[in-house]
């Protein structure tokens, strides 16, 4: 189980743990500068926390919940770093979530 996150989203914000890219592609080690740039283009991740007003503008839609895997708009939100774990998260508006991804 992962350590509790110390970042609390406000209003309609959603805290997302972006999908991590592999440092290796086949037998090739990807340079860190390329990996960082590509990581910021990722549009999928796990919902970690929800602000208190999330989905308020969408009364008939329950939206994504904590633990759901989602797809979000590419240039939405901004990155924040957890002070304890140094892990990078994305803070986005609830309207920037485009889909909930579920495997069957």
PDB file of N, CA and C in Angstrom:
ATOM      1  N   UNK A   1       0.832  -1.177   0.000  1.00  0.00           N
ATOM      2  CA  UNK A   1       0.000   0.000   0.000  1.00  0.00           C
ATOM      3  C   UNK A   1       0.881   1.246   0.000  1.00  0.00           C
ATOM      4  N   UNK A   2       0.452   2.255  -0.777  1.00  0.00           N
ATOM      5  CA  UNK A   2       1.245   3.471  -0.882  1.00  0.00           C
ATOM      6  C   UNK A   2       1.040   4.366   0.318  1.00  0.00           C
ATOM      7  N   UNK A   3       2.072   5.202   0.576  1.00  0.00           N
ATOM      8  CA  UNK A   3       2.012   6.152   1.684  1.00  0.00           C
ATOM      9  C   UNK A   3       0.950   7.215   1.411  1.00  0.00           C
ATOM     10  N   UNK A   4       0.315   7.699   2.471  1.00  0.00           N
ATOM     11  CA  UNK A   4      -0.723   8.720   2.340  1.00  0.00           C
ATOM     12  C   UNK A   4      -0.136  10.008   1.782  1.00  0.00           C
ATOM     13  N   UNK A   5      -0.856  10.620   0.859  1.00  0.00           N
ATOM     14  CA  UNK A   5      -0.421  11.856   0.213  1.00  0.00           C
ATOM     15  C   UNK A   5      -0.770  13.036   1.104  1.00  0.00           C
ATOM     16  N   UNK A   6       0.119  14.032   1.170  1.00  0.00           N
ATOM     17  CA  UNK A   6      -0.119  15.201   2.014  1.00  0.00           C
ATOM     18  C   UNK A   6      -0.728  16.371   1.238  1.00  0.00           C
ATOM     19  N   UNK A   7      -1.013  16.187  -0.036  1.00  0.00           N
ATOM     20  CA  UNK A   7      -1.602  17.239  -0.855  1.00  0.00           C
ATOM     21  C   UNK A   7      -3.121  17.071  -0.836  1.00  0.00           C
ATOM     22  N   UNK A   8      -3.847  18.125  -0.480  1.00  0.00           N
ATOM     23  CA  UNK A   8      -5.308  18.077  -0.434  1.00  0.00           C
ATOM     24  C   UNK A   8      -5.874  19.028  -1.480  1.00  0.00           C
ATOM     25  N   UNK A   9      -6.562  18.498  -2.502  1.00  0.00           N
ATOM     26  CA  UNK A   9      -7.141  19.374  -3.512  1.00  0.00           C
ATOM     27  C   UNK A   9      -8.307  20.183  -2.952  1.00  0.00           C
ATOM     28  N   UNK A  10      -8.482  21.376  -3.462  1.00  0.00           N
ATOM     29  CA  UNK A  10      -9.566  22.260  -3.045  1.00  0.00           C
ATOM     30  C   UNK A  10     -10.603  22.379  -4.159  1.00  0.00           C
ATOM     31  N   UNK A  11     -11.768  22.852  -3.826  1.00  0.00           N
ATOM     32  CA  UNK A  11     -12.896  23.107  -4.738  1.00  0.00           C
ATOM     33  C   UNK A  11     -13.105  21.953  -5.712  1.00  0.00           C
ATOM     34  N   UNK A  12     -13.015  22.214  -7.011  1.00  0.00           N
ATOM     35  CA  UNK A  12     -13.309  21.189  -8.016  1.00  0.00           C
ATOM     36  C   UNK A  12     -12.056  20.519  -8.554  1.00  0.00           C
ATOM     37  N   UNK A  13     -10.980  20.553  -7.792  1.00  0.00           N
ATOM     38  CA  UNK A  13      -9.712  19.987  -8.255  1.00  0.00           C
ATOM     39  C   UNK A  13      -9.600  18.498  -7.913  1.00  0.00           C
ATOM     40  N   UNK A  14      -8.896  17.778  -8.786  1.00  0.00           N
ATOM     41  CA  UNK A  14      -8.671  16.341  -8.634  1.00  0.00           C
ATOM     42  C   UNK A  14      -7.165  16.102  -8.647  1.00  0.00           C
ATOM     43  N   UNK A  15      -6.663  15.354  -7.680  1.00  0.00           N
ATOM     44  CA  UNK A  15      -5.245  15.012  -7.609  1.00  0.00           C
ATOM     45  C   UNK A  15      -5.040  13.676  -8.309  1.00  0.00           C
ATOM     46  N   UNK A  16      -4.128  13.656  -9.283  1.00  0.00           N
ATOM     47  CA  UNK A  16      -3.908  12.474 -10.117  1.00  0.00           C
ATOM     48  C   UNK A  16      -2.450  12.048 -10.037  1.00  0.00           C
ATOM     49  N   UNK A  17      -2.235  10.739  -9.935  1.00  0.00           N
ATOM     50  CA  UNK A  17      -0.884  10.173 -10.028  1.00  0.00           C
ATOM     51  C   UNK A  17      -0.717   9.748 -11.486  1.00  0.00           C
ATOM     52  N   UNK A  18       0.053  10.526 -12.288  1.00  0.00           N
ATOM     53  CA  UNK A  18       0.207  10.192 -13.706  1.00  0.00           C
ATOM     54  C   UNK A  18       0.857   8.824 -13.898  1.00  0.00           C
ATOM     55  N   UNK A  19       0.461   8.157 -14.958  1.00  0.00           N
ATOM     56  CA  UNK A  19       1.055   6.873 -15.316  1.00  0.00           C
ATOM     57  C   UNK A  19       2.546   7.080 -15.547  1.00  0.00           C
ATOM     58  N   UNK A  20       3.364   6.231 -14.958  1.00  0.00           N
ATOM     59  CA  UNK A  20       4.817   6.340 -15.101  1.00  0.00           C
ATOM     60  C   UNK A  20       5.277   5.645 -16.382  1.00  0.00           C
ATOM     61  N   UNK A  21       6.205   6.279 -17.075  1.00  0.00           N
ATOM     62  CA  UNK A  21       6.787   5.695 -18.270  1.00  0.00           C
ATOM     63  C   UNK A  21       7.982   4.826 -17.883  1.00  0.00           C
ATOM     64  N   UNK A  22       8.229   3.792 -18.662  1.00  0.00           N
ATOM     65  CA  UNK A  22       9.376   2.920 -18.427  1.00  0.00           C
ATOM     66  C   UNK A  22      10.663   3.632 -18.812  1.00  0.00           C
ATOM     67  N   UNK A  23      11.707   3.424 -18.009  1.00  0.00           N
ATOM     68  CA  UNK A  23      13.006   4.014 -18.311  1.00  0.00           C
ATOM     69  C   UNK A  23      13.716   3.252 -19.420  1.00  0.00           C
ATOM     70  N   UNK A  24      13.255   2.033 -19.690  1.00  0.00           N
ATOM     71  CA  UNK A  24      13.858   1.217 -20.747  1.00  0.00           C
ATOM     72  C   UNK A  24      12.830   0.963 -21.829  1.00  0.00           C
ATOM     73  N   UNK A  25      13.268   1.004 -23.066  1.00  0.00           N
ATOM     74  CA  UNK A  25      12.431   0.641 -24.207  1.00  0.00           C
ATOM     75  C   UNK A  25      13.161  -0.483 -24.927  1.00  0.00           C
ATOM     76  N   UNK A  26      12.698  -1.693 -24.698  1.00  0.00           N
ATOM     77  CA  UNK A  26      13.437  -2.830 -25.228  1.00  0.00           C
ATOM     78  C   UNK A  26      14.747  -2.940 -24.477  1.00  0.00           C
ATOM     79  N   UNK A  27      15.853  -2.848 -25.202  1.00  0.00           N
ATOM     80  CA  UNK A  27      17.185  -2.898 -24.583  1.00  0.00           C
ATOM     81  C   UNK A  27      17.837  -1.524 -24.536  1.00  0.00           C
ATOM     82  N   UNK A  28      17.053  -0.470 -24.818  1.00  0.00           N
ATOM     83  CA  UNK A  28      17.595   0.887 -24.851  1.00  0.00           C
ATOM     84  C   UNK A  28      17.178   1.633 -23.597  1.00  0.00           C
ATOM     85  N   UNK A  29      18.127   2.286 -22.954  1.00  0.00           N
ATOM     86  CA  UNK A  29      17.864   3.112 -21.781  1.00  0.00           C
ATOM     87  C   UNK A  29      17.542   4.524 -22.261  1.00  0.00           C
ATOM     88  N   UNK A  30      16.364   5.027 -21.917  1.00  0.00           N
ATOM     89  CA  UNK A  30      15.928   6.348 -22.362  1.00  0.00           C
ATOM     90  C   UNK A  30      16.603   7.415 -21.509  1.00  0.00           C
ATOM     91  N   UNK A  31      17.181   8.457 -22.141  1.00  0.00           N
ATOM     92  CA  UNK A  31      17.819   9.542 -21.372  1.00  0.00           C
ATOM     93  C   UNK A  31      16.810  10.240 -20.467  1.00  0.00           C
ATOM     94  N   UNK A  32      17.246  10.664 -19.292  1.00  0.00           N
ATOM     95  CA  UNK A  32      16.359  11.287 -18.309  1.00  0.00           C
ATOM     96  C   UNK A  32      15.667  12.530 -18.872  1.00  0.00           C
ATOM     97  N   UNK A  33      16.363  13.339 -19.661  1.00  0.00           N
ATOM     98  CA  UNK A  33      15.753  14.550 -20.221  1.00  0.00           C
ATOM     99  C   UNK A  33      14.585  14.211 -21.148  1.00  0.00           C
ATOM    100  N   UNK A  34      14.728  13.159 -21.932  1.00  0.00           N
ATOM    101  CA  UNK A  34      13.654  12.719 -22.817  1.00  0.00           C
ATOM    102  C   UNK A  34      12.506  12.154 -22.003  1.00  0.00           C
ATOM    103  N   UNK A  35      12.817  11.377 -20.992  1.00  0.00           N
ATOM    104  CA  UNK A  35      11.799  10.766 -20.147  1.00  0.00           C
ATOM    105  C   UNK A  35      10.959  11.821 -19.432  1.00  0.00           C
ATOM    106  N   UNK A  36      11.584  12.869 -18.900  1.00  0.00           N
ATOM    107  CA  UNK A  36      10.864  13.941 -18.213  1.00  0.00           C
ATOM    108  C   UNK A  36       9.914  14.644 -19.176  1.00  0.00           C
ATOM    109  N   UNK A  37      10.390  14.956 -20.377  1.00  0.00           N
ATOM    110  CA  UNK A  37       9.560  15.623 -21.379  1.00  0.00           C
ATOM    111  C   UNK A  37       8.365  14.741 -21.766  1.00  0.00           C
ATOM    112  N   UNK A  38       8.607  13.459 -22.007  1.00  0.00           N
ATOM    113  CA  UNK A  38       7.541  12.539 -22.388  1.00  0.00           C
ATOM    114  C   UNK A  38       6.566  12.311 -21.234  1.00  0.00           C
ATOM    115  N   UNK A  39       7.065  12.293 -19.990  1.00  0.00           N
ATOM    116  CA  UNK A  39       6.204  12.077 -18.831  1.00  0.00           C
ATOM    117  C   UNK A  39       5.162  13.181 -18.726  1.00  0.00           C
ATOM    118  N   UNK A  40       5.518  14.413 -19.070  1.00  0.00           N
ATOM    119  CA  UNK A  40       4.583  15.528 -18.992  1.00  0.00           C
ATOM    120  C   UNK A  40       3.545  15.480 -20.104  1.00  0.00           C
ATOM    121  N   UNK A  41       3.715  14.600 -21.086  1.00  0.00           N
ATOM    122  CA  UNK A  41       2.735  14.436 -22.156  1.00  0.00           C
ATOM    123  C   UNK A  41       1.772  13.276 -21.877  1.00  0.00           C
ATOM    124  N   UNK A  42       1.970  12.573 -20.774  1.00  0.00           N
ATOM    125  CA  UNK A  42       1.093  11.465 -20.406  1.00  0.00           C
ATOM    126  C   UNK A  42      -0.308  11.988 -20.119  1.00  0.00           C
ATOM    127  N   UNK A  43      -1.323  11.255 -20.552  1.00  0.00           N
ATOM    128  CA  UNK A  43      -2.703  11.698 -20.341  1.00  0.00           C
ATOM    129  C   UNK A  43      -3.546  10.667 -19.604  1.00  0.00           C
ATOM    130  N   UNK A  44      -2.895   9.771 -18.883  1.00  0.00           N
ATOM    131  CA  UNK A  44      -3.604   8.767 -18.099  1.00  0.00           C
ATOM    132  C   UNK A  44      -3.014   8.729 -16.696  1.00  0.00           C
ATOM    133  N   UNK A  45      -3.864   8.400 -15.721  1.00  0.00           N
ATOM    134  CA  UNK A  45      -3.366   8.295 -14.363  1.00  0.00           C
ATOM    135  C   UNK A  45      -4.424   7.799 -13.404  1.00  0.00           C
ATOM    136  N   UNK A  46      -4.031   7.699 -12.137  1.00  0.00           N
ATOM    137  CA  UNK A  46      -4.904   7.207 -11.071  1.00  0.00           C
ATOM    138  C   UNK A  46      -5.371   8.372 -10.209  1.00  0.00           C
ATOM    139  N   UNK A  47      -6.670   8.419  -9.914  1.00  0.00           N
ATOM    140  CA  UNK A  47      -7.216   9.459  -9.037  1.00  0.00           C
ATOM    141  C   UNK A  47      -6.774   9.152  -7.608  1.00  0.00           C
ATOM    142  N   UNK A  48      -6.117  10.135  -6.967  1.00  0.00           N
ATOM    143  CA  UNK A  48      -5.589   9.956  -5.622  1.00  0.00           C
ATOM    144  C   UNK A  48      -6.468  10.652  -4.587  1.00  0.00           C
ATOM    145  N   UNK A  49      -6.981  11.838  -4.932  1.00  0.00           N
ATOM    146  CA  UNK A  49      -7.813  12.597  -3.995  1.00  0.00           C
ATOM    147  C   UNK A  49      -8.741  13.522  -4.783  1.00  0.00           C
ATOM    148  N   UNK A  50      -9.884  13.841  -4.171  1.00  0.00           N
ATOM    149  CA  UNK A  50     -10.882  14.716  -4.795  1.00  0.00           C
ATOM    150  C   UNK A  50     -11.153  15.911  -3.902  1.00  0.00           C
ATOM    151  N   UNK A  51     -11.321  17.083  -4.520  1.00  0.00           N
ATOM    152  CA  UNK A  51     -11.715  18.272  -3.776  1.00  0.00           C
ATOM    153  C   UNK A  51     -13.165  18.157  -3.317  1.00  0.00           C
ATOM    154  N   UNK A  52     -13.591  18.973  -2.353  1.00  0.00           N
ATOM    155  CA  UNK A  52     -14.935  18.863  -1.789  1.00  0.00           C
ATOM    156  C   UNK A  52     -16.070  19.209  -2.758  1.00  0.00           C
ATOM    157  N   UNK A  53     -15.792  19.978  -3.797  1.00  0.00           N
ATOM    158  CA  UNK A  53     -16.842  20.381  -4.739  1.00  0.00           C
ATOM    159  C   UNK A  53     -16.782  19.661  -6.081  1.00  0.00           C
ATOM    160  N   UNK A  54     -16.020  18.585  -6.164  1.00  0.00           N
ATOM    161  CA  UNK A  54     -15.897  17.841  -7.417  1.00  0.00           C
ATOM    162  C   UNK A  54     -17.258  17.278  -7.820  1.00  0.00           C
ATOM    163  N   UNK A  55     -17.563  17.363  -9.090  1.00  0.00           N
ATOM    164  CA  UNK A  55     -18.784  16.857  -9.724  1.00  0.00           C
ATOM    165  C   UNK A  55     -20.033  17.638  -9.313  1.00  0.00           C
ATOM    166  N   UNK A  56     -19.877  18.756  -8.620  1.00  0.00           N
ATOM    167  CA  UNK A  56     -21.026  19.558  -8.199  1.00  0.00           C
ATOM    168  C   UNK A  56     -21.781  20.132  -9.411  1.00  0.00           C
ATOM    169  N   UNK A  57     -21.051  20.431 -10.487  1.00  0.00           N
ATOM    170  CA  UNK A  57     -21.676  20.976 -11.693  1.00  0.00           C
ATOM    171  C   UNK A  57     -22.313  19.897 -12.552  1.00  0.00           C
ATOM    172  N   UNK A  58     -22.151  18.644 -12.167  1.00  0.00           N
ATOM    173  CA  UNK A  58     -22.685  17.512 -12.934  1.00  0.00           C
ATOM    174  C   UNK A  58     -23.519  16.631 -12.008  1.00  0.00           C
ATOM    175  N   UNK A  59     -24.718  17.059 -11.618  1.00  0.00           N
ATOM    176  CA  UNK A  59     -25.490  16.334 -10.607  1.00  0.00           C
ATOM    177  C   UNK A  59     -25.903  14.911 -11.007  1.00  0.00           C
ATOM    178  N   UNK A  60     -26.018  14.631 -12.291  1.00  0.00           N
ATOM    179  CA  UNK A  60     -26.442  13.295 -12.724  1.00  0.00           C
ATOM    180  C   UNK A  60     -25.275  12.360 -13.000  1.00  0.00           C
ATOM    181  N   UNK A  61     -24.060  12.873 -12.880  1.00  0.00           N
ATOM    182  CA  UNK A  61     -22.868  12.092 -13.189  1.00  0.00           C
ATOM    183  C   UNK A  61     -22.027  11.933 -11.926  1.00  0.00           C
ATOM    184  N   UNK A  62     -21.762  10.707 -11.539  1.00  0.00           N
ATOM    185  CA  UNK A  62     -20.953  10.471 -10.347  1.00  0.00           C
ATOM    186  C   UNK A  62     -19.470  10.719 -10.606  1.00  0.00           C
ATOM    187  N   UNK A  63     -19.056  10.688 -11.863  1.00  0.00           N
ATOM    188  CA  UNK A  63     -17.661  10.952 -12.199  1.00  0.00           C
ATOM    189  C   UNK A  63     -16.714   9.898 -11.664  1.00  0.00           C
ATOM    190  N   UNK A  64     -15.438  10.219 -11.729  1.00  0.00           N
ATOM    191  CA  UNK A  64     -14.405   9.301 -11.256  1.00  0.00           C
ATOM    192  C   UNK A  64     -14.293   9.374  -9.739  1.00  0.00           C
ATOM    193  N   UNK A  65     -13.885   8.279  -9.146  1.00  0.00           N
ATOM    194  CA  UNK A  65     -13.698   8.205  -7.698  1.00  0.00           C
ATOM    195  C   UNK A  65     -12.233   7.917  -7.408  1.00  0.00           C
ATOM    196  N   UNK A  66     -11.839   8.074  -6.164  1.00  0.00           N
ATOM    197  CA  UNK A  66     -10.476   7.765  -5.747  1.00  0.00           C
ATOM    198  C   UNK A  66     -10.174   6.305  -6.086  1.00  0.00           C
ATOM    199  N   UNK A  67      -9.036   6.084  -6.716  1.00  0.00           N
ATOM    200  CA  UNK A  67      -8.636   4.738  -7.121  1.00  0.00           C
ATOM    201  C   UNK A  67      -8.943   4.431  -8.575  1.00  0.00           C
ATOM    202  N   UNK A  68      -9.823   5.218  -9.208  1.00  0.00           N
ATOM    203  CA  UNK A  68     -10.140   5.008 -10.621  1.00  0.00           C
ATOM    204  C   UNK A  68      -8.969   5.418 -11.492  1.00  0.00           C
ATOM    205  N   UNK A  69      -8.848   4.744 -12.621  1.00  0.00           N
ATOM    206  CA  UNK A  69      -7.843   5.081 -13.616  1.00  0.00           C
ATOM    207  C   UNK A  69      -8.543   5.924 -14.667  1.00  0.00           C
ATOM    208  N   UNK A  70      -7.981   7.092 -15.012  1.00  0.00           N
ATOM    209  CA  UNK A  70      -8.674   8.037 -15.883  1.00  0.00           C
ATOM    210  C   UNK A  70      -7.808   8.486 -17.058  1.00  0.00           C
ATOM    211  N   UNK A  71      -8.484   9.054 -18.059  1.00  0.00           N
ATOM    212  CA  UNK A  71      -7.829   9.770 -19.152  1.00  0.00           C
ATOM    213  C   UNK A  71      -8.210  11.229 -18.983  1.00  0.00           C
ATOM    214  N   UNK A  72      -7.240  12.128 -19.141  1.00  0.00           N
ATOM    215  CA  UNK A  72      -7.500  13.550 -18.947  1.00  0.00           C
ATOM    216  C   UNK A  72      -6.907  14.349 -20.100  1.00  0.00           C
ATOM    217  N   UNK A  73      -7.365  15.607 -20.231  1.00  0.00           N
ATOM    218  CA  UNK A  73      -6.883  16.484 -21.293  1.00  0.00           C
ATOM    219  C   UNK A  73      -5.378  16.709 -21.155  1.00  0.00           C
ATOM    220  N   UNK A  74      -4.667  16.719 -22.276  1.00  0.00           N
ATOM    221  CA  UNK A  74      -3.204  16.748 -22.254  1.00  0.00           C
ATOM    222  C   UNK A  74      -2.615  17.965 -21.554  1.00  0.00           C
ATOM    223  N   UNK A  75      -3.121  19.142 -21.786  1.00  0.00           N
ATOM    224  CA  UNK A  75      -2.499  20.333 -21.211  1.00  0.00           C
ATOM    225  C   UNK A  75      -3.245  20.853 -19.993  1.00  0.00           C
ATOM    226  N   UNK A  76      -3.964  20.002 -19.323  1.00  0.00           N
ATOM    227  CA  UNK A  76      -4.735  20.436 -18.159  1.00  0.00           C
ATOM    228  C   UNK A  76      -3.891  20.410 -16.894  1.00  0.00           C
ATOM    229  N   UNK A  77      -4.260  21.273 -15.964  1.00  0.00           N
ATOM    230  CA  UNK A  77      -3.669  21.263 -14.635  1.00  0.00           C
ATOM    231  C   UNK A  77      -2.211  21.654 -14.568  1.00  0.00           C
ATOM    232  N   UNK A  78      -1.634  21.340 -13.414  1.00  0.00           N
ATOM    233  CA  UNK A  78      -0.221  21.635 -13.181  1.00  0.00           C
ATOM    234  C   UNK A  78       0.350  20.603 -12.225  1.00  0.00           C
ATOM    235  N   UNK A  79       1.662  20.450 -12.283  1.00  0.00           N
ATOM    236  CA  UNK A  79       2.332  19.454 -11.458  1.00  0.00           C
ATOM    237  C   UNK A  79       2.652  20.013 -10.074  1.00  0.00           C
ATOM    238  N   UNK A  80       2.485  19.167  -9.069  1.00  0.00           N
ATOM    239  CA  UNK A  80       2.849  19.495  -7.694  1.00  0.00           C
ATOM    240  C   UNK A  80       3.648  18.315  -7.140  1.00  0.00           C
ATOM    241  N   UNK A  81       4.517  18.596  -6.184  1.00  0.00           N
ATOM    242  CA  UNK A  81       5.364  17.553  -5.603  1.00  0.00           C
ATOM    243  C   UNK A  81       4.993  17.371  -4.140  1.00  0.00           C
ATOM    244  N   UNK A  82       4.777  16.119  -3.734  1.00  0.00           N
ATOM    245  CA  UNK A  82       4.497  15.795  -2.344  1.00  0.00           C
ATOM    246  C   UNK A  82       5.773  16.045  -1.540  1.00  0.00           C
ATOM    247  N   UNK A  83       5.678  16.850  -0.492  1.00  0.00           N
ATOM    248  CA  UNK A  83       6.847  17.223   0.307  1.00  0.00           C
ATOM    249  C   UNK A  83       7.499  16.032   0.990  1.00  0.00           C
ATOM    250  N   UNK A  84       6.707  15.057   1.415  1.00  0.00           N
ATOM    251  CA  UNK A  84       7.269  13.893   2.124  1.00  0.00           C
ATOM    252  C   UNK A  84       7.925  12.904   1.179  1.00  0.00           C
ATOM    253  N   UNK A  85       7.185  12.478   0.156  1.00  0.00           N
ATOM    254  CA  UNK A  85       7.656  11.397  -0.708  1.00  0.00           C
ATOM    255  C   UNK A  85       8.427  11.865  -1.931  1.00  0.00           C
ATOM    256  N   UNK A  86       8.353  13.161  -2.241  1.00  0.00           N
ATOM    257  CA  UNK A  86       8.976  13.750  -3.436  1.00  0.00           C
ATOM    258  C   UNK A  86       8.352  13.202  -4.724  1.00  0.00           C
ATOM    259  N   UNK A  87       7.182  12.585  -4.613  1.00  0.00           N
ATOM    260  CA  UNK A  87       6.481  12.065  -5.782  1.00  0.00           C
ATOM    261  C   UNK A  87       5.737  13.207  -6.478  1.00  0.00           C
ATOM    262  N   UNK A  88       5.723  13.174  -7.809  1.00  0.00           N
ATOM    263  CA  UNK A  88       5.089  14.217  -8.589  1.00  0.00           C
ATOM    264  C   UNK A  88       3.648  13.823  -8.922  1.00  0.00           C
ATOM    265  N   UNK A  89       2.715  14.749  -8.700  1.00  0.00           N
ATOM    266  CA  UNK A  89       1.301  14.546  -8.986  1.00  0.00           C
ATOM    267  C   UNK A  89       0.813  15.646  -9.914  1.00  0.00           C
ATOM    268  N   UNK A  90      -0.347  15.421 -10.497  1.00  0.00           N
ATOM    269  CA  UNK A  90      -0.975  16.415 -11.353  1.00  0.00           C
ATOM    270  C   UNK A  90      -2.272  16.857 -10.690  1.00  0.00           C
ATOM    271  N   UNK A  91      -2.495  18.152 -10.624  1.00  0.00           N
ATOM    272  CA  UNK A  91      -3.711  18.718 -10.045  1.00  0.00           C
ATOM    273  C   UNK A  91      -4.532  19.294 -11.201  1.00  0.00           C
ATOM    274  N   UNK A  92      -5.717  18.697 -11.459  1.00  0.00           N
ATOM    275  CA  UNK A  92      -6.536  19.102 -12.604  1.00  0.00           C
ATOM    276  C   UNK A  92      -7.957  19.427 -12.162  1.00  0.00           C
ATOM    277  N   UNK A  93      -8.702  20.151 -13.001  1.00  0.00           N
ATOM    278  CA  UNK A  93     -10.117  20.399 -12.764  1.00  0.00           C
ATOM    279  C   UNK A  93     -10.927  19.160 -13.103  1.00  0.00           C
ATOM    280  N   UNK A  94     -12.046  18.973 -12.437  1.00  0.00           N
ATOM    281  CA  UNK A  94     -12.888  17.808 -12.703  1.00  0.00           C
ATOM    282  C   UNK A  94     -13.371  17.754 -14.156  1.00  0.00           C
ATOM    283  N   UNK A  95     -13.583  18.902 -14.792  1.00  0.00           N
ATOM    284  CA  UNK A  95     -14.062  18.916 -16.181  1.00  0.00           C
ATOM    285  C   UNK A  95     -12.996  18.455 -17.175  1.00  0.00           C
ATOM    286  N   UNK A  96     -11.727  18.395 -16.739  1.00  0.00           N
ATOM    287  CA  UNK A  96     -10.658  17.944 -17.631  1.00  0.00           C
ATOM    288  C   UNK A  96     -10.545  16.422 -17.686  1.00  0.00           C
ATOM    289  N   UNK A  97     -11.304  15.710 -16.856  1.00  0.00           N
ATOM    290  CA  UNK A  97     -11.331  14.247 -16.930  1.00  0.00           C
ATOM    291  C   UNK A  97     -12.237  13.874 -18.083  1.00  0.00           C
ATOM    292  N   UNK A  98     -11.685  13.185 -19.058  1.00  0.00           N
ATOM    293  CA  UNK A  98     -12.419  12.863 -20.278  1.00  0.00           C
ATOM    294  C   UNK A  98     -13.010  11.470 -20.252  1.00  0.00           C
ATOM    295  N   UNK A  99     -12.447  10.553 -19.463  1.00  0.00           N
ATOM    296  CA  UNK A  99     -12.966   9.182 -19.420  1.00  0.00           C
ATOM    297  C   UNK A  99     -12.438   8.458 -18.197  1.00  0.00           C
ATOM    298  N   UNK A 100     -13.218   7.516 -17.726  1.00  0.00           N
ATOM    299  CA  UNK A 100     -12.759   6.577 -16.694  1.00  0.00           C
ATOM    300  C   UNK A 100     -12.389   5.306 -17.421  1.00  0.00           C
ATOM    301  N   UNK A 101     -11.193   4.777 -17.165  1.00  0.00           N
ATOM    302  CA  UNK A 101     -10.696   3.593 -17.873  1.00  0.00           C
ATOM    303  C   UNK A 101     -10.879   2.373 -16.990  1.00  0.00           C
ATOM    304  N   UNK A 102     -11.608   1.404 -17.517  1.00  0.00           N
ATOM    305  CA  UNK A 102     -11.862   0.164 -16.757  1.00  0.00           C
ATOM    306  C   UNK A 102     -11.548  -1.029 -17.638  1.00  0.00           C
ATOM    307  N   UNK A 103     -10.912  -2.037 -17.067  1.00  0.00           N
ATOM    308  CA  UNK A 103     -10.667  -3.267 -17.814  1.00  0.00           C
ATOM    309  C   UNK A 103     -11.725  -4.288 -17.435  1.00  0.00           C
ATOM    310  N   UNK A 104     -12.115  -5.086 -18.400  1.00  0.00           N
ATOM    311  CA  UNK A 104     -13.167  -6.095 -18.129  1.00  0.00           C
ATOM    312  C   UNK A 104     -12.635  -7.474 -18.236  1.00  0.00           C
TER     313      UNK A 104
END
